[in-house]
Amino acid sequence: MRREKQGFWIAFCAVFFYPIGWVTGRGRFEGTEHIPAPGHGGALLVANHVSHLDPIYSGLIVHRSRRVPRFLAKHSLWSTPVLGRALAGSGQIPVYRDSADAQQSLREGTDALREGKIVIIYPEGTITRDPDGWPMHSRTGVARLALTADVPVVPMVHWGTNRVLDAYNKRFRPFPRGPITVRCGEPVDLSAYRGRPVDAALLREVTDLLMTRVRDLLADVRDEPAPSAFFRRAS
């Protein structure tokens, strides 16, 4: 199977990401059949977020599927030396939250999906604050992307990265290398929602549907029941 054209900066990132992925855990990449093959169009991957290591493993499962990962990531990362150059050069999409530029991020994400690219989004907007690591109440930008671009919307979860790098408790424990699972699930059928007027109620309903699928997929990976409600951060 041929690989999607990746360019210098994606190859540059891969040189670092694969060794980091090997050192930090024994990666299990499951459900890759749900990521469209090269030449078969784009997809929106909707992921949970439990560790700063998640983007490395998100990128690896997409790259191992011979596709190029494109992330919606906070714009402040673009000011970081080297990383900022890599993000810009590899076609990543900066997110400007709570600003006049916020809609531009969604437009760029929609354009990427319509152009047949793989886009990864973490709808929680940050690492979960749920004490048990379950997904939080999420932002509705994911629903707008999912409804505007008619592409497969694939739930994706990470588990095990949080045991290696726990930012909130300032713990980094790469050894001994433990299992880290990244799993993609079946695309979510949104046909009942497409064509309806897009308002706040619809965006919230679709966001909660997508994150429920993410939560249920995580419950399968963890082999334990998921909570019935999403954790909400204190305002």
C-alpha atoms as a PDB file:
ATOM      1  CA  MET A   1       0.000   0.000   0.000  1.00  0.00           C
ATOM      2  CA  ARG A   2       1.363   3.402  -0.918  1.00  0.00           C
ATOM      3  CA  ARG A   3       1.890   6.094   1.721  1.00  0.00           C
ATOM      4  CA  GLU A   4       0.283   9.523   1.679  1.00  0.00           C
ATOM      5  CA  LYS A   5       2.827  12.148   0.645  1.00  0.00           C
ATOM      6  CA  GLN A   6       4.264  13.467   3.907  1.00  0.00           C
ATOM      7  CA  GLY A   7       6.997  16.019   3.210  1.00  0.00           C
ATOM      8  CA  PHE A   8      10.128  16.933   5.145  1.00  0.00           C
ATOM      9  CA  TRP A   9       8.576  18.054   8.440  1.00  0.00           C
ATOM     10  CA  ILE A  10       6.423  14.969   8.938  1.00  0.00           C
ATOM     11  CA  ALA A  11       9.464  12.779   8.287  1.00  0.00           C
ATOM     12  CA  PHE A  12      11.423  14.992  10.711  1.00  0.00           C
ATOM     13  CA  CYS A  13       8.797  14.499  13.442  1.00  0.00           C
ATOM     14  CA  ALA A  14       8.668  10.749  12.819  1.00  0.00           C
ATOM     15  CA  VAL A  15      12.404  10.500  13.543  1.00  0.00           C
ATOM     16  CA  PHE A  16      11.675  11.707  17.079  1.00  0.00           C
ATOM     17  CA  PHE A  17       8.185  10.320  17.704  1.00  0.00           C
ATOM     18  CA  TYR A  18       8.881   6.658  16.971  1.00  0.00           C
ATOM     19  CA  PRO A  19      11.784   6.396  19.464  1.00  0.00           C
ATOM     20  CA  ILE A  20       9.811   8.312  22.116  1.00  0.00           C
ATOM     21  CA  GLY A  21       6.893   5.974  21.570  1.00  0.00           C
ATOM     22  CA  TRP A  22       9.170   2.941  21.963  1.00  0.00           C
ATOM     23  CA  VAL A  23      10.909   4.237  25.094  1.00  0.00           C
ATOM     24  CA  THR A  24       7.768   5.321  26.943  1.00  0.00           C
ATOM     25  CA  GLY A  25       5.676   2.199  26.495  1.00  0.00           C
ATOM     26  CA  ARG A  26       4.699  -0.925  24.608  1.00  0.00           C
ATOM     27  CA  GLY A  27       2.299   0.541  22.105  1.00  0.00           C
ATOM     28  CA  ARG A  28      -0.817  -1.370  21.086  1.00  0.00           C
ATOM     29  CA  PHE A  29      -2.408   0.200  18.016  1.00  0.00           C
ATOM     30  CA  GLU A  30      -5.879  -1.176  17.414  1.00  0.00           C
ATOM     31  CA  GLY A  31      -8.716  -0.435  15.022  1.00  0.00           C
ATOM     32  CA  THR A  32      -6.506   1.012  12.297  1.00  0.00           C
ATOM     33  CA  GLU A  33      -8.936  -0.372   9.709  1.00  0.00           C
ATOM     34  CA  HIS A  34     -11.239   2.526  10.645  1.00  0.00           C
ATOM     35  CA  ILE A  35      -8.684   5.086   9.390  1.00  0.00           C
ATOM     36  CA  PRO A  36      -9.220   5.576   5.637  1.00  0.00           C
ATOM     37  CA  ALA A  37      -6.367   4.255   3.509  1.00  0.00           C
ATOM     38  CA  PRO A  38      -4.324   6.654   1.373  1.00  0.00           C
ATOM     39  CA  GLY A  39      -6.396   7.873  -1.549  1.00  0.00           C
ATOM     40  CA  HIS A  40      -9.700   7.113   0.229  1.00  0.00           C
ATOM     41  CA  GLY A  41     -10.464  10.555   1.637  1.00  0.00           C
ATOM     42  CA  GLY A  42     -10.297  12.267   4.968  1.00  0.00           C
ATOM     43  CA  ALA A  43     -11.575  11.526   8.455  1.00  0.00           C
ATOM     44  CA  LEU A  44     -12.036  13.331  11.731  1.00  0.00           C
ATOM     45  CA  LEU A  45     -10.499  11.446  14.678  1.00  0.00           C
ATOM     46  CA  VAL A  46     -12.155  12.438  17.959  1.00  0.00           C
ATOM     47  CA  ALA A  47      -9.909  11.572  20.900  1.00  0.00           C
ATOM     48  CA  ASN A  48      -9.822  11.618  24.679  1.00  0.00           C
ATOM     49  CA  HIS A  49      -6.915  13.366  26.390  1.00  0.00           C
ATOM     50  CA  VAL A  50      -5.212  11.921  29.485  1.00  0.00           C
ATOM     51  CA  SER A  51      -1.545  12.913  29.042  1.00  0.00           C
ATOM     52  CA  HIS A  52       0.803  15.217  27.148  1.00  0.00           C
ATOM     53  CA  LEU A  53       2.083  12.035  25.498  1.00  0.00           C
ATOM     54  CA  ASP A  54      -1.235  11.490  23.709  1.00  0.00           C
ATOM     55  CA  PRO A  55      -0.357  13.478  20.558  1.00  0.00           C
ATOM     56  CA  ILE A  56       2.729  11.321  20.022  1.00  0.00           C
ATOM     57  CA  TYR A  57       0.645   8.150  20.087  1.00  0.00           C
ATOM     58  CA  SER A  58      -2.174   9.734  18.066  1.00  0.00           C
ATOM     59  CA  GLY A  59       0.395  10.639  15.448  1.00  0.00           C
ATOM     60  CA  LEU A  60       1.902   7.173  15.491  1.00  0.00           C
ATOM     61  CA  ILE A  61      -1.363   5.308  14.880  1.00  0.00           C
ATOM     62  CA  VAL A  62      -2.148   7.584  11.922  1.00  0.00           C
ATOM     63  CA  HIS A  63       1.375   7.412  10.515  1.00  0.00           C
ATOM     64  CA  ARG A  64       1.425   3.619  10.888  1.00  0.00           C
ATOM     65  CA  SER A  65      -1.742   3.657   8.772  1.00  0.00           C
ATOM     66  CA  ARG A  66       0.341   5.401   6.080  1.00  0.00           C
ATOM     67  CA  ARG A  67      -1.516   8.673   6.527  1.00  0.00           C
ATOM     68  CA  VAL A  68      -0.342  12.117   7.641  1.00  0.00           C
ATOM     69  CA  PRO A  69      -1.728  13.284  11.015  1.00  0.00           C
ATOM     70  CA  ARG A  70      -2.952  16.866  11.263  1.00  0.00           C
ATOM     71  CA  PHE A  71      -3.784  18.187  14.698  1.00  0.00           C
ATOM     72  CA  LEU A  72      -5.961  20.995  15.942  1.00  0.00           C
ATOM     73  CA  ALA A  73      -3.639  22.331  18.656  1.00  0.00           C
ATOM     74  CA  LYS A  74      -3.424  25.458  20.803  1.00  0.00           C
ATOM     75  CA  HIS A  75      -1.814  28.326  18.912  1.00  0.00           C
ATOM     76  CA  SER A  76       0.766  29.075  21.643  1.00  0.00           C
ATOM     77  CA  LEU A  77       2.737  25.992  20.524  1.00  0.00           C
ATOM     78  CA  TRP A  78       3.594  27.776  17.283  1.00  0.00           C
ATOM     79  CA  SER A  79       5.836  30.191  19.236  1.00  0.00           C
ATOM     80  CA  THR A  80       7.976  27.319  20.567  1.00  0.00           C
ATOM     81  CA  PRO A  81      11.418  27.073  18.887  1.00  0.00           C
ATOM     82  CA  VAL A  82      11.771  24.141  16.457  1.00  0.00           C
ATOM     83  CA  LEU A  83       8.356  22.730  17.423  1.00  0.00           C
ATOM     84  CA  GLY A  84       6.675  25.815  15.984  1.00  0.00           C
ATOM     85  CA  ARG A  85       8.565  25.381  12.707  1.00  0.00           C
ATOM     86  CA  ALA A  86       7.614  21.703  12.592  1.00  0.00           C
ATOM     87  CA  LEU A  87       3.943  22.480  13.262  1.00  0.00           C
ATOM     88  CA  ALA A  88       3.795  25.119  10.554  1.00  0.00           C
ATOM     89  CA  GLY A  89       5.805  23.083   8.064  1.00  0.00           C
ATOM     90  CA  SER A  90       3.718  19.941   8.516  1.00  0.00           C
ATOM     91  CA  GLY A  91       0.370  21.658   8.043  1.00  0.00           C
ATOM     92  CA  GLN A  92      -0.948  21.522  11.606  1.00  0.00           C
ATOM     93  CA  ILE A  93      -3.898  23.754  12.524  1.00  0.00           C
ATOM     94  CA  PRO A  94      -3.604  26.367  15.300  1.00  0.00           C
ATOM     95  CA  VAL A  95      -6.599  26.828  17.594  1.00  0.00           C
ATOM     96  CA  TYR A  96      -7.351  30.319  18.903  1.00  0.00           C
ATOM     97  CA  ARG A  97      -9.794  29.874  21.752  1.00  0.00           C
ATOM     98  CA  ASP A  98     -12.132  32.637  22.907  1.00  0.00           C
ATOM     99  CA  SER A  99     -10.916  35.080  20.276  1.00  0.00           C
ATOM    100  CA  ALA A 100     -11.964  36.559  16.943  1.00  0.00           C
ATOM    101  CA  ASP A 101      -9.722  33.956  15.246  1.00  0.00           C
ATOM    102  CA  ALA A 102     -11.524  30.940  16.728  1.00  0.00           C
ATOM    103  CA  GLN A 103     -13.734  30.466  13.646  1.00  0.00           C
ATOM    104  CA  GLN A 104     -10.647  30.521  11.428  1.00  0.00           C
ATOM    105  CA  SER A 105      -9.412  27.350  13.138  1.00  0.00           C
ATOM    106  CA  LEU A 106     -12.681  25.571  12.342  1.00  0.00           C
ATOM    107  CA  ARG A 107     -12.566  26.772   8.734  1.00  0.00           C
ATOM    108  CA  GLU A 108      -9.027  25.453   8.328  1.00  0.00           C
ATOM    109  CA  GLY A 109     -10.026  22.150   9.912  1.00  0.00           C
ATOM    110  CA  THR A 110     -13.038  21.843   7.602  1.00  0.00           C
ATOM    111  CA  ASP A 111     -10.908  22.672   4.556  1.00  0.00           C
ATOM    112  CA  ALA A 112      -8.382  19.993   5.546  1.00  0.00           C
ATOM    113  CA  LEU A 113     -11.124  17.373   5.893  1.00  0.00           C
ATOM    114  CA  ARG A 114     -12.682  18.311   2.570  1.00  0.00           C
ATOM    115  CA  GLU A 115      -9.255  18.010   0.961  1.00  0.00           C
ATOM    116  CA  GLY A 116      -9.107  14.385   2.118  1.00  0.00           C
ATOM    117  CA  LYS A 117      -6.822  14.806   5.121  1.00  0.00           C
ATOM    118  CA  ILE A 118      -6.847  13.097   8.515  1.00  0.00           C
ATOM    119  CA  VAL A 119      -7.584  15.603  11.291  1.00  0.00           C
ATOM    120  CA  ILE A 120      -7.234  14.833  15.017  1.00  0.00           C
ATOM    121  CA  ILE A 121      -9.115  16.810  17.642  1.00  0.00           C
ATOM    122  CA  TYR A 122      -9.204  16.619  21.453  1.00  0.00           C
ATOM    123  CA  PRO A 123     -12.625  18.119  22.228  1.00  0.00           C
ATOM    124  CA  GLU A 124     -11.933  18.463  25.954  1.00  0.00           C
ATOM    125  CA  GLY A 125      -9.413  21.165  25.081  1.00  0.00           C
ATOM    126  CA  THR A 126      -6.957  20.021  27.746  1.00  0.00           C
ATOM    127  CA  ILE A 127      -5.953  16.944  29.727  1.00  0.00           C
ATOM    128  CA  THR A 128      -8.955  15.608  31.610  1.00  0.00           C
ATOM    129  CA  ARG A 129      -9.449  16.746  35.178  1.00  0.00           C
ATOM    130  CA  ASP A 130     -11.666  13.782  35.945  1.00  0.00           C
ATOM    131  CA  PRO A 131     -10.037  12.066  38.961  1.00  0.00           C
ATOM    132  CA  ASP A 132     -10.434   8.660  37.312  1.00  0.00           C
ATOM    133  CA  GLY A 133      -9.301   9.708  33.851  1.00  0.00           C
ATOM    134  CA  TRP A 134     -12.662   9.665  32.050  1.00  0.00           C
ATOM    135  CA  PRO A 135     -13.518  12.278  29.379  1.00  0.00           C
ATOM    136  CA  MET A 136     -14.836  15.631  30.545  1.00  0.00           C
ATOM    137  CA  HIS A 137     -17.699  17.798  29.321  1.00  0.00           C
ATOM    138  CA  SER A 138     -16.335  18.979  25.970  1.00  0.00           C
ATOM    139  CA  ARG A 139     -16.342  21.968  23.652  1.00  0.00           C
ATOM    140  CA  THR A 140     -18.737  21.951  20.692  1.00  0.00           C
ATOM    141  CA  GLY A 141     -16.245  22.818  17.959  1.00  0.00           C
ATOM    142  CA  VAL A 142     -15.908  19.090  17.261  1.00  0.00           C
ATOM    143  CA  ALA A 143     -19.601  18.911  16.334  1.00  0.00           C
ATOM    144  CA  ARG A 144     -19.324  21.817  13.926  1.00  0.00           C
ATOM    145  CA  LEU A 145     -16.384  20.133  12.191  1.00  0.00           C
ATOM    146  CA  ALA A 146     -18.173  16.792  12.084  1.00  0.00           C
ATOM    147  CA  LEU A 147     -21.345  18.267  10.595  1.00  0.00           C
ATOM    148  CA  THR A 148     -19.726  20.661   8.132  1.00  0.00           C
ATOM    149  CA  ALA A 149     -17.392  18.147   6.492  1.00  0.00           C
ATOM    150  CA  ASP A 150     -19.090  14.957   5.306  1.00  0.00           C
ATOM    151  CA  VAL A 151     -16.298  12.532   6.252  1.00  0.00           C
ATOM    152  CA  PRO A 152     -16.086   9.564   8.655  1.00  0.00           C
ATOM    153  CA  VAL A 153     -15.993  10.642  12.292  1.00  0.00           C
ATOM    154  CA  VAL A 154     -13.911   8.092  14.178  1.00  0.00           C
ATOM    155  CA  PRO A 155     -13.717   7.868  17.995  1.00  0.00           C
ATOM    156  CA  MET A 156     -10.193   7.246  19.286  1.00  0.00           C
ATOM    157  CA  VAL A 157      -8.885   6.634  22.802  1.00  0.00           C
ATOM    158  CA  HIS A 158      -5.551   6.516  24.610  1.00  0.00           C
ATOM    159  CA  TRP A 159      -4.917   4.661  27.833  1.00  0.00           C
ATOM    160  CA  GLY A 160      -1.617   4.064  29.594  1.00  0.00           C
ATOM    161  CA  THR A 161       0.015   7.346  28.593  1.00  0.00           C
ATOM    162  CA  ASN A 162      -1.341   8.798  31.834  1.00  0.00           C
ATOM    163  CA  ARG A 163       0.638   6.274  33.866  1.00  0.00           C
ATOM    164  CA  VAL A 164       3.858   7.382  32.182  1.00  0.00           C
ATOM    165  CA  LEU A 165       3.378  11.147  32.195  1.00  0.00           C
ATOM    166  CA  ASP A 166       0.955  12.645  34.700  1.00  0.00           C
ATOM    167  CA  ALA A 167       1.260  16.409  34.312  1.00  0.00           C
ATOM    168  CA  TYR A 168      -1.120  17.385  37.093  1.00  0.00           C
ATOM    169  CA  ASN A 169       0.784  15.334  39.672  1.00  0.00           C
ATOM    170  CA  LYS A 170       4.176  16.064  38.066  1.00  0.00           C
ATOM    171  CA  ARG A 171       5.091  12.400  37.563  1.00  0.00           C
ATOM    172  CA  PHE A 172       7.151  10.912  34.755  1.00  0.00           C
ATOM    173  CA  ARG A 173       7.650   7.140  34.987  1.00  0.00           C
ATOM    174  CA  PRO A 174       8.710   5.584  31.678  1.00  0.00           C
ATOM    175  CA  PHE A 175      10.194   2.472  33.310  1.00  0.00           C
ATOM    176  CA  PRO A 176       9.368  -0.295  33.439  1.00  0.00           C
ATOM    177  CA  ARG A 177       7.766   0.033  30.006  1.00  0.00           C
ATOM    178  CA  GLY A 178       4.075  -0.714  30.363  1.00  0.00           C
ATOM    179  CA  PRO A 179       1.297  -1.191  27.813  1.00  0.00           C
ATOM    180  CA  ILE A 180      -0.116   1.877  26.092  1.00  0.00           C
ATOM    181  CA  THR A 181      -3.262   1.309  24.068  1.00  0.00           C
ATOM    182  CA  VAL A 182      -4.495   3.496  21.235  1.00  0.00           C
ATOM    183  CA  ARG A 183      -7.738   2.242  19.745  1.00  0.00           C
ATOM    184  CA  CYS A 184      -9.975   3.565  16.976  1.00  0.00           C
ATOM    185  CA  GLY A 185     -13.634   2.595  16.926  1.00  0.00           C
ATOM    186  CA  GLU A 186     -16.237   2.354  14.212  1.00  0.00           C
ATOM    187  CA  PRO A 187     -17.226   5.693  12.625  1.00  0.00           C
ATOM    188  CA  VAL A 188     -20.203   7.384  14.260  1.00  0.00           C
ATOM    189  CA  ASP A 189     -23.335   7.564  12.086  1.00  0.00           C
ATOM    190  CA  LEU A 190     -24.348  11.235  11.964  1.00  0.00           C
ATOM    191  CA  SER A 191     -26.801  10.935   9.068  1.00  0.00           C
ATOM    192  CA  ALA A 192     -29.744  11.846  11.328  1.00  0.00           C
ATOM    193  CA  TYR A 193     -28.106  15.178  12.162  1.00  0.00           C
ATOM    194  CA  ARG A 194     -26.863  16.294   8.754  1.00  0.00           C
ATOM    195  CA  GLY A 195     -28.984  18.837   6.932  1.00  0.00           C
ATOM    196  CA  ARG A 196     -30.577  20.179  10.123  1.00  0.00           C
ATOM    197  CA  PRO A 197     -30.162  23.848  11.083  1.00  0.00           C
ATOM    198  CA  VAL A 198     -26.955  24.136  13.080  1.00  0.00           C
ATOM    199  CA  ASP A 199     -27.693  25.798  16.397  1.00  0.00           C
ATOM    200  CA  ALA A 200     -26.319  25.562  19.932  1.00  0.00           C
ATOM    201  CA  ALA A 201     -28.670  22.726  20.899  1.00  0.00           C
ATOM    202  CA  LEU A 202     -27.697  20.591  17.907  1.00  0.00           C
ATOM    203  CA  LEU A 203     -23.978  21.219  18.479  1.00  0.00           C
ATOM    204  CA  ARG A 204     -24.275  20.177  22.120  1.00  0.00           C
ATOM    205  CA  GLU A 205     -26.264  17.051  21.231  1.00  0.00           C
ATOM    206  CA  VAL A 206     -23.749  15.927  18.616  1.00  0.00           C
ATOM    207  CA  THR A 207     -20.773  16.737  20.851  1.00  0.00           C
ATOM    208  CA  ASP A 208     -22.219  14.666  23.678  1.00  0.00           C
ATOM    209  CA  LEU A 209     -22.969  11.809  21.269  1.00  0.00           C
ATOM    210  CA  LEU A 210     -19.396  11.774  19.983  1.00  0.00           C
ATOM    211  CA  MET A 211     -17.869  11.954  23.439  1.00  0.00           C
ATOM    212  CA  THR A 212     -20.198   9.216  24.674  1.00  0.00           C
ATOM    213  CA  ARG A 213     -18.802   6.978  21.929  1.00  0.00           C
ATOM    214  CA  VAL A 214     -15.290   7.950  23.006  1.00  0.00           C
ATOM    215  CA  ARG A 215     -16.145   7.214  26.641  1.00  0.00           C
ATOM    216  CA  ASP A 216     -17.684   3.836  25.771  1.00  0.00           C
ATOM    217  CA  LEU A 217     -14.645   2.895  23.694  1.00  0.00           C
ATOM    218  CA  LEU A 218     -12.397   3.828  26.614  1.00  0.00           C
ATOM    219  CA  ALA A 219     -14.520   1.662  28.912  1.00  0.00           C
ATOM    220  CA  ASP A 220     -13.847  -1.284  26.590  1.00  0.00           C
ATOM    221  CA  VAL A 221     -10.111  -0.612  26.662  1.00  0.00           C
ATOM    222  CA  ARG A 222     -10.109  -0.244  30.448  1.00  0.00           C
ATOM    223  CA  ASP A 223     -12.509  -3.189  30.888  1.00  0.00           C
ATOM    224  CA  GLU A 224     -14.548  -1.318  33.458  1.00  0.00           C
ATOM    225  CA  PRO A 225     -17.862   0.559  33.452  1.00  0.00           C
ATOM    226  CA  ALA A 226     -17.883   4.200  32.448  1.00  0.00           C
ATOM    227  CA  PRO A 227     -19.577   6.899  34.524  1.00  0.00           C
ATOM    228  CA  SER A 228     -23.035   7.987  33.410  1.00  0.00           C
ATOM    229  CA  ALA A 229     -22.163  11.709  33.244  1.00  0.00           C
ATOM    230  CA  PHE A 230     -19.228  13.795  32.059  1.00  0.00           C
ATOM    231  CA  PHE A 231     -17.012  15.464  34.628  1.00  0.00           C
ATOM    232  CA  ARG A 232     -17.315  19.260  34.648  1.00  0.00           C
ATOM    233  CA  ARG A 233     -14.467  21.500  35.620  1.00  0.00           C
ATOM    234  CA  ALA A 234     -15.134  24.157  38.243  1.00  0.00           C
ATOM    235  CA  SER A 235     -15.666  27.500  36.515  1.00  0.00           C
END
